[in-house]
Structures are given as structure tokens and as C-alpha cells.
Amino acid sequence: MVEFLVAPVPWTTTMGIKRLFEEANIDARVIGASKGDAAVKQLEKNNNYRAVIINWAEGGAAGLELACAVKELGECTVVAYQAEWNRDDLSRALQLGVDSILHDPFTIDELIGDLEALESDG
């Protein structure tokens, strides 16, 4: 079973992303963290997530710090999403090592497609 960490998000968002996997019949464990520091603690305990999915719009400074922390702690893929991306947000996300940028709402096919493309590129 693959694991995903979603942060910083309320539990309703975590459940929504979990439902995406269930509806696609993908066996995945989705862990949510309401704040960036809680997500970092999860990563320190277990850095075997297939990806950390960051809600860029809700994250603010926490999202920025989380993206940096994920990259410092290992090779975990970072996916960031929000409804509207402006040039500054895109630039900042890419500078901080975000591997995949998605628009919210995203589909499970978009998420898995990006992850598979990143993994095949090595």
C-alpha cells in the first residue's frame, strides 16, 4: 500500500483526497496534517511517502516551510495544488523544489500521471 501525506489541510480535504483514491480503486493510505509543523513531524517518523501533497493556497508560510522541509528530509516527491496559480506562486514553488503543480480541483488521473512521469524520469 502506498502512502500520501496531505498538508496543511482540514480533515475534510484529507477525506476528499482519500475518496479520490477509493473511487479509482487505488489502495492508498492518505494521512492528513492540519499544519505544516505536524506534517514535518510525520515526515520525521516516516519518510516513505510516495508524495507529500501541499495545499499551496491554505499553506501560506507553512506551505513554503513544508516544501523546504520535505526536500531537506529526503527524496519524497512534492505535489502542490491550488485553484489559481500566479507567476510569483509558480516561481516560488519551483524554487523550493516542488515537483508537480496541479490546479484544484484535480483528478486522480492527473495526480497519478504526474507521479508516474516523475518516477519514470528518475
C-alpha atoms as a PDB file:
ATOM      1  CA  MET A   1       0.000   0.000   0.000  1.00  0.00           C
ATOM      2  CA  VAL A   2       1.350   3.415  -0.929  1.00  0.00           C
ATOM      3  CA  GLU A   3       1.110   6.330   1.466  1.00  0.00           C
ATOM      4  CA  PHE A   4       0.497  10.001   0.842  1.00  0.00           C
ATOM      5  CA  LEU A   5       0.816  12.905   3.268  1.00  0.00           C
ATOM      6  CA  VAL A   6      -1.542  15.834   2.689  1.00  0.00           C
ATOM      7  CA  ALA A   7      -0.929  19.170   4.438  1.00  0.00           C
ATOM      8  CA  PRO A   8      -1.737  21.768   5.652  1.00  0.00           C
ATOM      9  CA  VAL A   9      -5.387  20.865   5.285  1.00  0.00           C
ATOM     10  CA  PRO A  10      -8.531  20.347   7.342  1.00  0.00           C
ATOM     11  CA  TRP A  11      -9.729  16.766   7.755  1.00  0.00           C
ATOM     12  CA  THR A  12     -12.451  17.310   5.148  1.00  0.00           C
ATOM     13  CA  THR A  13      -9.811  17.893   2.477  1.00  0.00           C
ATOM     14  CA  THR A  14      -7.883  14.798   3.571  1.00  0.00           C
ATOM     15  CA  MET A  15     -11.069  12.750   3.290  1.00  0.00           C
ATOM     16  CA  GLY A  16     -11.801  14.220  -0.157  1.00  0.00           C
ATOM     17  CA  ILE A  17      -8.382  13.175  -1.447  1.00  0.00           C
ATOM     18  CA  LYS A  18      -8.783   9.755   0.172  1.00  0.00           C
ATOM     19  CA  ARG A  19     -12.109   9.396  -1.662  1.00  0.00           C
ATOM     20  CA  LEU A  20     -10.368  10.112  -4.991  1.00  0.00           C
ATOM     21  CA  PHE A  21      -8.151   7.066  -4.436  1.00  0.00           C
ATOM     22  CA  GLU A  22     -11.041   4.886  -3.288  1.00  0.00           C
ATOM     23  CA  GLU A  23     -13.194   5.791  -6.300  1.00  0.00           C
ATOM     24  CA  ALA A  24     -10.286   4.859  -8.581  1.00  0.00           C
ATOM     25  CA  ASN A  25      -9.812   1.559  -6.700  1.00  0.00           C
ATOM     26  CA  ILE A  26      -6.260   2.528  -5.719  1.00  0.00           C
ATOM     27  CA  ASP A  27      -5.097   1.045  -2.433  1.00  0.00           C
ATOM     28  CA  ALA A  28      -3.564   4.079  -0.739  1.00  0.00           C
ATOM     29  CA  ARG A  29      -3.235   5.363   2.786  1.00  0.00           C
ATOM     30  CA  VAL A  30      -3.812   9.115   2.998  1.00  0.00           C
ATOM     31  CA  ILE A  31      -2.540  10.865   6.119  1.00  0.00           C
ATOM     32  CA  GLY A  32      -3.573  14.454   6.767  1.00  0.00           C
ATOM     33  CA  ALA A  33      -1.847  17.117   8.809  1.00  0.00           C
ATOM     34  CA  SER A  34      -3.650  20.326   9.680  1.00  0.00           C
ATOM     35  CA  LYS A  35      -0.448  22.358   9.998  1.00  0.00           C
ATOM     36  CA  GLY A  36       2.961  22.357   8.389  1.00  0.00           C
ATOM     37  CA  ASP A  37       4.809  21.534  11.611  1.00  0.00           C
ATOM     38  CA  ALA A  38       2.575  18.499  12.179  1.00  0.00           C
ATOM     39  CA  ALA A  39       3.418  17.313   8.663  1.00  0.00           C
ATOM     40  CA  VAL A  40       7.147  17.715   9.349  1.00  0.00           C
ATOM     41  CA  LYS A  41       6.773  15.571  12.480  1.00  0.00           C
ATOM     42  CA  GLN A  42       5.028  12.903  10.392  1.00  0.00           C
ATOM     43  CA  LEU A  43       7.878  13.014   7.878  1.00  0.00           C
ATOM     44  CA  GLU A  44      10.465  12.675  10.626  1.00  0.00           C
ATOM     45  CA  LYS A  45       8.686   9.499  11.801  1.00  0.00           C
ATOM     46  CA  ASN A  46       8.106   8.070   8.332  1.00  0.00           C
ATOM     47  CA  ASN A  47       9.704   9.404   5.167  1.00  0.00           C
ATOM     48  CA  ASN A  48       8.395   6.603   2.943  1.00  0.00           C
ATOM     49  CA  TYR A  49       5.505   8.547   1.448  1.00  0.00           C
ATOM     50  CA  ARG A  50       5.061   8.319  -2.291  1.00  0.00           C
ATOM     51  CA  ALA A  51       4.319  12.037  -2.220  1.00  0.00           C
ATOM     52  CA  VAL A  52       3.583  14.952   0.046  1.00  0.00           C
ATOM     53  CA  ILE A  53       0.603  16.855  -1.319  1.00  0.00           C
ATOM     54  CA  ILE A  54       0.618  20.505  -0.250  1.00  0.00           C
ATOM     55  CA  ASN A  55      -2.388  22.783  -0.392  1.00  0.00           C
ATOM     56  CA  TRP A  56      -0.436  25.844  -1.517  1.00  0.00           C
ATOM     57  CA  ALA A  57      -3.339  28.275  -1.066  1.00  0.00           C
ATOM     58  CA  GLU A  58      -4.046  27.264   2.538  1.00  0.00           C
ATOM     59  CA  GLY A  59      -0.419  26.748   3.395  1.00  0.00           C
ATOM     60  CA  GLY A  60       0.884  30.299   3.229  1.00  0.00           C
ATOM     61  CA  ALA A  61       4.227  30.409   5.043  1.00  0.00           C
ATOM     62  CA  ALA A  62       3.537  26.891   6.368  1.00  0.00           C
ATOM     63  CA  GLY A  63       3.341  25.567   2.811  1.00  0.00           C
ATOM     64  CA  LEU A  64       6.647  27.202   1.924  1.00  0.00           C
ATOM     65  CA  GLU A  65       8.328  25.831   5.040  1.00  0.00           C
ATOM     66  CA  LEU A  66       6.851  22.396   4.442  1.00  0.00           C
ATOM     67  CA  ALA A  67       8.142  22.249   0.864  1.00  0.00           C
ATOM     68  CA  CYS A  68      11.641  23.122   2.124  1.00  0.00           C
ATOM     69  CA  ALA A  69      11.453  20.613   4.980  1.00  0.00           C
ATOM     70  CA  VAL A  70      10.328  17.777   2.705  1.00  0.00           C
ATOM     71  CA  LYS A  71      13.324  18.316   0.442  1.00  0.00           C
ATOM     72  CA  GLU A  72      15.698  18.541   3.422  1.00  0.00           C
ATOM     73  CA  LEU A  73      14.393  15.278   4.893  1.00  0.00           C
ATOM     74  CA  GLY A  74      14.756  13.161   1.779  1.00  0.00           C
ATOM     75  CA  GLU A  75      13.754  12.424  -1.740  1.00  0.00           C
ATOM     76  CA  CYS A  76       9.984  12.475  -1.300  1.00  0.00           C
ATOM     77  CA  THR A  77       8.033  13.901  -4.232  1.00  0.00           C
ATOM     78  CA  VAL A  78       6.275  17.187  -3.512  1.00  0.00           C
ATOM     79  CA  VAL A  79       2.975  17.975  -5.217  1.00  0.00           C
ATOM     80  CA  ALA A  80       1.431  21.410  -4.721  1.00  0.00           C
ATOM     81  CA  TYR A  81      -2.083  22.414  -5.679  1.00  0.00           C
ATOM     82  CA  GLN A  82      -4.346  25.438  -5.578  1.00  0.00           C
ATOM     83  CA  ALA A  83      -7.178  26.836  -7.687  1.00  0.00           C
ATOM     84  CA  GLU A  84      -5.252  29.668  -9.330  1.00  0.00           C
ATOM     85  CA  TRP A  85      -1.500  29.858  -9.817  1.00  0.00           C
ATOM     86  CA  ASN A  86       0.066  33.246 -10.419  1.00  0.00           C
ATOM     87  CA  ARG A  87       3.602  33.774 -11.675  1.00  0.00           C
ATOM     88  CA  ASP A  88       5.011  34.514  -8.196  1.00  0.00           C
ATOM     89  CA  ASP A  89       3.477  31.391  -6.645  1.00  0.00           C
ATOM     90  CA  LEU A  90       4.717  29.200  -9.507  1.00  0.00           C
ATOM     91  CA  SER A  91       8.198  30.655  -9.304  1.00  0.00           C
ATOM     92  CA  ARG A  92       8.358  30.244  -5.528  1.00  0.00           C
ATOM     93  CA  ALA A  93       7.063  26.670  -5.649  1.00  0.00           C
ATOM     94  CA  LEU A  94       9.582  25.633  -8.279  1.00  0.00           C
ATOM     95  CA  GLN A  95      12.460  27.350  -6.468  1.00  0.00           C
ATOM     96  CA  LEU A  96      11.560  25.408  -3.314  1.00  0.00           C
ATOM     97  CA  GLY A  97      11.686  22.087  -5.122  1.00  0.00           C
ATOM     98  CA  VAL A  98       8.018  21.355  -5.770  1.00  0.00           C
ATOM     99  CA  ASP A  99       7.979  18.533  -8.307  1.00  0.00           C
ATOM    100  CA  SER A 100       4.398  18.764  -9.572  1.00  0.00           C
ATOM    101  CA  ILE A 101       1.942  21.650  -9.841  1.00  0.00           C
ATOM    102  CA  LEU A 102      -1.780  20.876 -10.038  1.00  0.00           C
ATOM    103  CA  HIS A 103      -4.889  23.016 -10.292  1.00  0.00           C
ATOM    104  CA  ASP A 104      -7.614  22.450  -7.714  1.00  0.00           C
ATOM    105  CA  PRO A 105      -9.798  20.547  -8.198  1.00  0.00           C
ATOM    106  CA  PHE A 106      -7.522  17.881  -9.642  1.00  0.00           C
ATOM    107  CA  THR A 107      -8.355  14.355 -10.705  1.00  0.00           C
ATOM    108  CA  ILE A 108      -6.699  11.178  -9.527  1.00  0.00           C
ATOM    109  CA  ASP A 109      -5.554  10.606 -13.116  1.00  0.00           C
ATOM    110  CA  GLU A 110      -3.713  13.949 -13.123  1.00  0.00           C
ATOM    111  CA  LEU A 111      -2.041  13.196  -9.784  1.00  0.00           C
ATOM    112  CA  ILE A 112      -1.016   9.632 -10.629  1.00  0.00           C
ATOM    113  CA  GLY A 113       0.003  10.652 -14.161  1.00  0.00           C
ATOM    114  CA  ASP A 114       2.351  13.315 -12.815  1.00  0.00           C
ATOM    115  CA  LEU A 115       3.810  10.940 -10.223  1.00  0.00           C
ATOM    116  CA  GLU A 116       4.404   8.202 -12.784  1.00  0.00           C
ATOM    117  CA  ALA A 117       6.034  10.668 -15.183  1.00  0.00           C
ATOM    118  CA  LEU A 118       8.339  11.924 -12.430  1.00  0.00           C
ATOM    119  CA  GLU A 119       9.236   8.380 -11.374  1.00  0.00           C
ATOM    120  CA  SER A 120       9.969   7.256 -14.937  1.00  0.00           C
ATOM    121  CA  ASP A 121      12.255  10.260 -15.479  1.00  0.00           C
ATOM    122  CA  GLY A 122      14.201   9.249 -12.374  1.00  0.00           C
END
